[in-house]
């Protein structure tokens, strides 16, 4: 007669919800989780939940930044038209974009020396509240206008708007929003 083997896994800790008994050959039936196994499942679930939250938050902040850039895009035609007609940089535009006042997350959308600045208000996500992103115009050799967003570096042949005329020029300023919240075209 043989002696039944000790149940495997006894070193992992006490069993929870144990409903076991002896099987036909005398070994114990193990149909429960140990504390270590339960802990490992909880840790893995927590990690997945934290990653999901981080991804969701980044997406929602990028969405708010996109709303601000959409409002800034409303002012591009005015700045471009003044440059095309007069060869000058629009010094300032005190009125903000037409729909900026309808968005509580946007404090202002203004034009400063041809550059369009979006300032996020205190109702925006904390990651961007009080921070700024800009659309900066550059001119090509044939007086075309190219707009760059955020910290995007101008390519060869692009000069700040107003460069060719020798007058007032657009001065680019770096964005104060973290790069992870910017779209690829603004990094």
C-alpha atoms as a PDB file:
ATOM      1  CA  UNK A   1       0.000   0.000   0.000  1.00  0.00           C
ATOM      2  CA  UNK A   2       1.316   3.395  -0.960  1.00  0.00           C
ATOM      3  CA  UNK A   3       1.002   6.577   1.019  1.00  0.00           C
ATOM      4  CA  UNK A   4      -0.785   9.483  -0.718  1.00  0.00           C
ATOM      5  CA  UNK A   5       1.445  12.332  -1.831  1.00  0.00           C
ATOM      6  CA  UNK A   6       1.234  15.678  -0.100  1.00  0.00           C
ATOM      7  CA  UNK A   7      -0.758  18.238  -2.065  1.00  0.00           C
ATOM      8  CA  UNK A   8       1.366  20.358  -4.370  1.00  0.00           C
ATOM      9  CA  UNK A   9       1.576  24.096  -3.838  1.00  0.00           C
ATOM     10  CA  UNK A  10       1.409  24.037  -0.054  1.00  0.00           C
ATOM     11  CA  UNK A  11       4.391  26.379   0.093  1.00  0.00           C
ATOM     12  CA  UNK A  12       2.496  29.176  -1.654  1.00  0.00           C
ATOM     13  CA  UNK A  13       0.365  29.978   1.377  1.00  0.00           C
ATOM     14  CA  UNK A  14      -2.995  29.121   2.822  1.00  0.00           C
ATOM     15  CA  UNK A  15      -5.818  28.228   0.462  1.00  0.00           C
ATOM     16  CA  UNK A  16      -8.812  30.480   0.107  1.00  0.00           C
ATOM     17  CA  UNK A  17     -12.286  29.139  -0.584  1.00  0.00           C
ATOM     18  CA  UNK A  18     -11.053  25.568  -0.194  1.00  0.00           C
ATOM     19  CA  UNK A  19     -13.587  23.057  -1.392  1.00  0.00           C
ATOM     20  CA  UNK A  20     -11.307  20.113  -1.807  1.00  0.00           C
ATOM     21  CA  UNK A  21     -11.554  16.564  -0.638  1.00  0.00           C
ATOM     22  CA  UNK A  22      -9.827  13.307  -1.370  1.00  0.00           C
ATOM     23  CA  UNK A  23      -9.842  11.844  -4.840  1.00  0.00           C
ATOM     24  CA  UNK A  24     -10.118   8.165  -5.691  1.00  0.00           C
ATOM     25  CA  UNK A  25      -6.373   7.607  -5.403  1.00  0.00           C
ATOM     26  CA  UNK A  26      -6.142   9.377  -2.050  1.00  0.00           C
ATOM     27  CA  UNK A  27      -4.595  12.692  -3.222  1.00  0.00           C
ATOM     28  CA  UNK A  28      -6.218  15.912  -2.142  1.00  0.00           C
ATOM     29  CA  UNK A  29      -8.210  17.896  -4.716  1.00  0.00           C
ATOM     30  CA  UNK A  30      -7.006  21.508  -4.897  1.00  0.00           C
ATOM     31  CA  UNK A  31      -9.608  23.818  -6.418  1.00  0.00           C
ATOM     32  CA  UNK A  32      -8.875  27.183  -4.791  1.00  0.00           C
ATOM     33  CA  UNK A  33      -6.473  30.114  -5.032  1.00  0.00           C
ATOM     34  CA  UNK A  34      -3.606  30.785  -2.690  1.00  0.00           C
ATOM     35  CA  UNK A  35      -3.027  34.255  -1.259  1.00  0.00           C
ATOM     36  CA  UNK A  36       0.039  34.629  -3.511  1.00  0.00           C
ATOM     37  CA  UNK A  37      -1.976  33.795  -6.620  1.00  0.00           C
ATOM     38  CA  UNK A  38      -4.743  36.191  -5.627  1.00  0.00           C
ATOM     39  CA  UNK A  39      -2.165  38.907  -4.935  1.00  0.00           C
ATOM     40  CA  UNK A  40      -0.545  38.391  -8.340  1.00  0.00           C
ATOM     41  CA  UNK A  41      -3.918  38.756 -10.070  1.00  0.00           C
ATOM     42  CA  UNK A  42      -4.648  41.959  -8.125  1.00  0.00           C
ATOM     43  CA  UNK A  43      -1.261  43.452  -8.995  1.00  0.00           C
ATOM     44  CA  UNK A  44      -1.673  42.636 -12.702  1.00  0.00           C
ATOM     45  CA  UNK A  45      -5.195  44.103 -12.721  1.00  0.00           C
ATOM     46  CA  UNK A  46      -3.957  47.275 -11.008  1.00  0.00           C
ATOM     47  CA  UNK A  47      -1.179  47.739 -13.572  1.00  0.00           C
ATOM     48  CA  UNK A  48      -3.595  47.334 -16.483  1.00  0.00           C
ATOM     49  CA  UNK A  49      -6.048  49.797 -14.885  1.00  0.00           C
ATOM     50  CA  UNK A  50      -3.289  52.383 -14.321  1.00  0.00           C
ATOM     51  CA  UNK A  51      -2.150  52.101 -17.939  1.00  0.00           C
ATOM     52  CA  UNK A  52      -5.720  52.453 -19.211  1.00  0.00           C
ATOM     53  CA  UNK A  53      -6.254  55.580 -17.088  1.00  0.00           C
ATOM     54  CA  UNK A  54      -3.009  57.138 -18.325  1.00  0.00           C
ATOM     55  CA  UNK A  55      -3.893  56.466 -21.953  1.00  0.00           C
ATOM     56  CA  UNK A  56      -7.388  57.888 -21.493  1.00  0.00           C
ATOM     57  CA  UNK A  57      -6.100  61.040 -19.788  1.00  0.00           C
ATOM     58  CA  UNK A  58      -3.458  61.676 -22.455  1.00  0.00           C
ATOM     59  CA  UNK A  59      -6.121  61.283 -25.130  1.00  0.00           C
ATOM     60  CA  UNK A  60      -8.540  63.684 -23.422  1.00  0.00           C
ATOM     61  CA  UNK A  61      -5.827  66.349 -22.912  1.00  0.00           C
ATOM     62  CA  UNK A  62      -4.777  66.016 -26.572  1.00  0.00           C
ATOM     63  CA  UNK A  63      -8.420  66.503 -27.476  1.00  0.00           C
ATOM     64  CA  UNK A  64      -8.525  69.779 -25.508  1.00  0.00           C
ATOM     65  CA  UNK A  65      -5.321  70.959 -27.214  1.00  0.00           C
ATOM     66  CA  UNK A  66      -6.936  70.091 -30.555  1.00  0.00           C
ATOM     67  CA  UNK A  67      -9.957  72.255 -29.665  1.00  0.00           C
ATOM     68  CA  UNK A  68      -7.640  75.199 -29.041  1.00  0.00           C
ATOM     69  CA  UNK A  69      -5.804  74.679 -32.322  1.00  0.00           C
ATOM     70  CA  UNK A  70      -9.122  74.503 -34.174  1.00  0.00           C
ATOM     71  CA  UNK A  71      -9.979  77.956 -32.810  1.00  0.00           C
ATOM     72  CA  UNK A  72      -6.539  79.254 -33.810  1.00  0.00           C
ATOM     73  CA  UNK A  73      -7.090  77.957 -37.341  1.00  0.00           C
ATOM     74  CA  UNK A  74     -10.024  80.369 -37.659  1.00  0.00           C
ATOM     75  CA  UNK A  75      -7.566  83.302 -37.549  1.00  0.00           C
ATOM     76  CA  UNK A  76      -5.100  81.946 -40.126  1.00  0.00           C
ATOM     77  CA  UNK A  77      -6.955  83.418 -43.143  1.00  0.00           C
ATOM     78  CA  UNK A  78      -6.927  86.957 -41.654  1.00  0.00           C
ATOM     79  CA  UNK A  79      -3.188  86.908 -40.928  1.00  0.00           C
ATOM     80  CA  UNK A  80      -2.341  85.335 -44.298  1.00  0.00           C
ATOM     81  CA  UNK A  81      -4.545  87.768 -46.249  1.00  0.00           C
ATOM     82  CA  UNK A  82      -3.006  90.873 -44.665  1.00  0.00           C
ATOM     83  CA  UNK A  83       0.472  89.573 -45.467  1.00  0.00           C
ATOM     84  CA  UNK A  84      -0.506  88.684 -49.054  1.00  0.00           C
ATOM     85  CA  UNK A  85      -2.121  92.096 -49.714  1.00  0.00           C
ATOM     86  CA  UNK A  86       0.259  94.417 -47.893  1.00  0.00           C
ATOM     87  CA  UNK A  87       3.428  92.389 -47.326  1.00  0.00           C
ATOM     88  CA  UNK A  88       3.195  93.200 -43.625  1.00  0.00           C
ATOM     89  CA  UNK A  89       2.789  91.181 -40.487  1.00  0.00           C
ATOM     90  CA  UNK A  90      -0.468  91.690 -38.577  1.00  0.00           C
ATOM     91  CA  UNK A  91       0.757  93.364 -35.408  1.00  0.00           C
ATOM     92  CA  UNK A  92      -2.057  92.390 -33.081  1.00  0.00           C
ATOM     93  CA  UNK A  93      -5.623  91.261 -33.108  1.00  0.00           C
ATOM     94  CA  UNK A  94      -7.300  91.984 -29.806  1.00  0.00           C
ATOM     95  CA  UNK A  95     -10.475  90.112 -30.627  1.00  0.00           C
ATOM     96  CA  UNK A  96     -10.113  86.428 -30.163  1.00  0.00           C
ATOM     97  CA  UNK A  97     -11.298  83.743 -32.544  1.00  0.00           C
ATOM     98  CA  UNK A  98     -15.076  83.951 -33.112  1.00  0.00           C
ATOM     99  CA  UNK A  99     -15.902  80.793 -31.143  1.00  0.00           C
ATOM    100  CA  UNK A 100     -13.293  81.079 -28.374  1.00  0.00           C
ATOM    101  CA  UNK A 101     -15.750  82.578 -25.890  1.00  0.00           C
ATOM    102  CA  UNK A 102     -17.973  79.493 -26.239  1.00  0.00           C
ATOM    103  CA  UNK A 103     -15.254  77.146 -24.997  1.00  0.00           C
ATOM    104  CA  UNK A 104     -14.724  77.421 -21.222  1.00  0.00           C
ATOM    105  CA  UNK A 105     -11.337  75.650 -21.456  1.00  0.00           C
ATOM    106  CA  UNK A 106      -9.824  78.354 -23.693  1.00  0.00           C
ATOM    107  CA  UNK A 107      -8.929  81.639 -22.026  1.00  0.00           C
ATOM    108  CA  UNK A 108      -7.856  83.442 -25.207  1.00  0.00           C
ATOM    109  CA  UNK A 109      -6.819  83.088 -28.829  1.00  0.00           C
ATOM    110  CA  UNK A 110      -4.830  86.150 -29.935  1.00  0.00           C
ATOM    111  CA  UNK A 111      -2.528  87.357 -32.696  1.00  0.00           C
ATOM    112  CA  UNK A 112       0.845  88.850 -31.716  1.00  0.00           C
ATOM    113  CA  UNK A 113       3.106  89.922 -34.614  1.00  0.00           C
ATOM    114  CA  UNK A 114       1.456  87.391 -36.911  1.00  0.00           C
ATOM    115  CA  UNK A 115       1.790  84.489 -34.462  1.00  0.00           C
ATOM    116  CA  UNK A 116      -1.457  83.004 -33.138  1.00  0.00           C
ATOM    117  CA  UNK A 117      -1.334  82.123 -29.436  1.00  0.00           C
ATOM    118  CA  UNK A 118      -3.835  79.884 -27.645  1.00  0.00           C
ATOM    119  CA  UNK A 119      -3.907  80.242 -23.871  1.00  0.00           C
ATOM    120  CA  UNK A 120      -5.777  77.544 -21.956  1.00  0.00           C
ATOM    121  CA  UNK A 121      -7.918  78.644 -19.024  1.00  0.00           C
ATOM    122  CA  UNK A 122      -8.349  77.255 -15.546  1.00  0.00           C
ATOM    123  CA  UNK A 123     -11.237  74.994 -16.621  1.00  0.00           C
ATOM    124  CA  UNK A 124      -8.891  73.082 -18.913  1.00  0.00           C
ATOM    125  CA  UNK A 125      -7.217  69.907 -17.672  1.00  0.00           C
ATOM    126  CA  UNK A 126      -4.591  70.686 -15.017  1.00  0.00           C
ATOM    127  CA  UNK A 127      -1.848  69.501 -17.405  1.00  0.00           C
ATOM    128  CA  UNK A 128      -2.537  72.430 -19.768  1.00  0.00           C
ATOM    129  CA  UNK A 129      -4.360  75.032 -17.634  1.00  0.00           C
ATOM    130  CA  UNK A 130      -2.515  78.361 -17.895  1.00  0.00           C
ATOM    131  CA  UNK A 131      -0.255  77.030 -20.671  1.00  0.00           C
ATOM    132  CA  UNK A 132       0.182  78.229 -24.249  1.00  0.00           C
ATOM    133  CA  UNK A 133       0.575  76.766 -27.705  1.00  0.00           C
ATOM    134  CA  UNK A 134       1.262  78.851 -30.803  1.00  0.00           C
ATOM    135  CA  UNK A 135       0.848  78.683 -34.548  1.00  0.00           C
ATOM    136  CA  UNK A 136       3.769  80.515 -36.134  1.00  0.00           C
ATOM    137  CA  UNK A 137       3.760  81.695 -39.767  1.00  0.00           C
ATOM    138  CA  UNK A 138       6.853  81.447 -41.955  1.00  0.00           C
ATOM    139  CA  UNK A 139       7.300  82.786 -45.466  1.00  0.00           C
ATOM    140  CA  UNK A 140       8.755  80.971 -48.427  1.00  0.00           C
ATOM    141  CA  UNK A 141      10.973  82.561 -51.087  1.00  0.00           C
ATOM    142  CA  UNK A 142       7.915  83.138 -53.302  1.00  0.00           C
ATOM    143  CA  UNK A 143       5.995  84.866 -50.441  1.00  0.00           C
ATOM    144  CA  UNK A 144       3.877  81.851 -49.602  1.00  0.00           C
ATOM    145  CA  UNK A 145       2.925  81.334 -45.966  1.00  0.00           C
ATOM    146  CA  UNK A 146       3.577  78.080 -44.082  1.00  0.00           C
ATOM    147  CA  UNK A 147       2.192  77.643 -40.562  1.00  0.00           C
ATOM    148  CA  UNK A 148       4.042  75.599 -37.952  1.00  0.00           C
ATOM    149  CA  UNK A 149       2.523  74.422 -34.706  1.00  0.00           C
ATOM    150  CA  UNK A 150       4.077  74.239 -31.253  1.00  0.00           C
ATOM    151  CA  UNK A 151       7.789  73.443 -31.186  1.00  0.00           C
ATOM    152  CA  UNK A 152       8.009  72.343 -34.818  1.00  0.00           C
ATOM    153  CA  UNK A 153      11.307  73.544 -36.354  1.00  0.00           C
ATOM    154  CA  UNK A 154      11.094  75.357 -39.715  1.00  0.00           C
ATOM    155  CA  UNK A 155      12.684  73.633 -42.670  1.00  0.00           C
ATOM    156  CA  UNK A 156      15.330  75.098 -44.986  1.00  0.00           C
ATOM    157  CA  UNK A 157      14.230  78.178 -46.903  1.00  0.00           C
ATOM    158  CA  UNK A 158      11.564  79.193 -44.390  1.00  0.00           C
ATOM    159  CA  UNK A 159      12.012  82.568 -42.713  1.00  0.00           C
ATOM    160  CA  UNK A 160       9.852  84.278 -40.075  1.00  0.00           C
ATOM    161  CA  UNK A 161       6.917  86.092 -41.659  1.00  0.00           C
ATOM    162  CA  UNK A 162       8.014  89.630 -42.624  1.00  0.00           C
ATOM    163  CA  UNK A 163      11.669  88.682 -43.163  1.00  0.00           C
ATOM    164  CA  UNK A 164      11.820  89.518 -46.889  1.00  0.00           C
ATOM    165  CA  UNK A 165      10.266  92.980 -46.426  1.00  0.00           C
ATOM    166  CA  UNK A 166      12.755  93.845 -43.688  1.00  0.00           C
ATOM    167  CA  UNK A 167      10.028  95.090 -41.359  1.00  0.00           C
ATOM    168  CA  UNK A 168       8.412  93.636 -38.310  1.00  0.00           C
ATOM    169  CA  UNK A 169       8.819  89.853 -38.165  1.00  0.00           C
ATOM    170  CA  UNK A 170       7.029  87.054 -36.435  1.00  0.00           C
ATOM    171  CA  UNK A 171       8.896  85.844 -33.370  1.00  0.00           C
ATOM    172  CA  UNK A 172       8.408  82.151 -32.627  1.00  0.00           C
ATOM    173  CA  UNK A 173       7.918  81.185 -28.986  1.00  0.00           C
ATOM    174  CA  UNK A 174       8.159  77.666 -27.583  1.00  0.00           C
ATOM    175  CA  UNK A 175       4.983  76.009 -26.376  1.00  0.00           C
ATOM    176  CA  UNK A 176       4.568  75.564 -22.649  1.00  0.00           C
ATOM    177  CA  UNK A 177       2.583  72.326 -23.065  1.00  0.00           C
ATOM    178  CA  UNK A 178       4.352  68.989 -22.558  1.00  0.00           C
ATOM    179  CA  UNK A 179       5.237  67.236 -25.818  1.00  0.00           C
ATOM    180  CA  UNK A 180       3.199  64.113 -24.961  1.00  0.00           C
ATOM    181  CA  UNK A 181       0.014  66.197 -25.175  1.00  0.00           C
ATOM    182  CA  UNK A 182       0.840  67.600 -28.637  1.00  0.00           C
ATOM    183  CA  UNK A 183      -0.053  65.994 -31.923  1.00  0.00           C
ATOM    184  CA  UNK A 184       2.824  64.722 -34.046  1.00  0.00           C
ATOM    185  CA  UNK A 185       2.633  67.799 -36.281  1.00  0.00           C
ATOM    186  CA  UNK A 186       3.293  70.093 -33.295  1.00  0.00           C
ATOM    187  CA  UNK A 187       6.250  68.319 -31.621  1.00  0.00           C
END
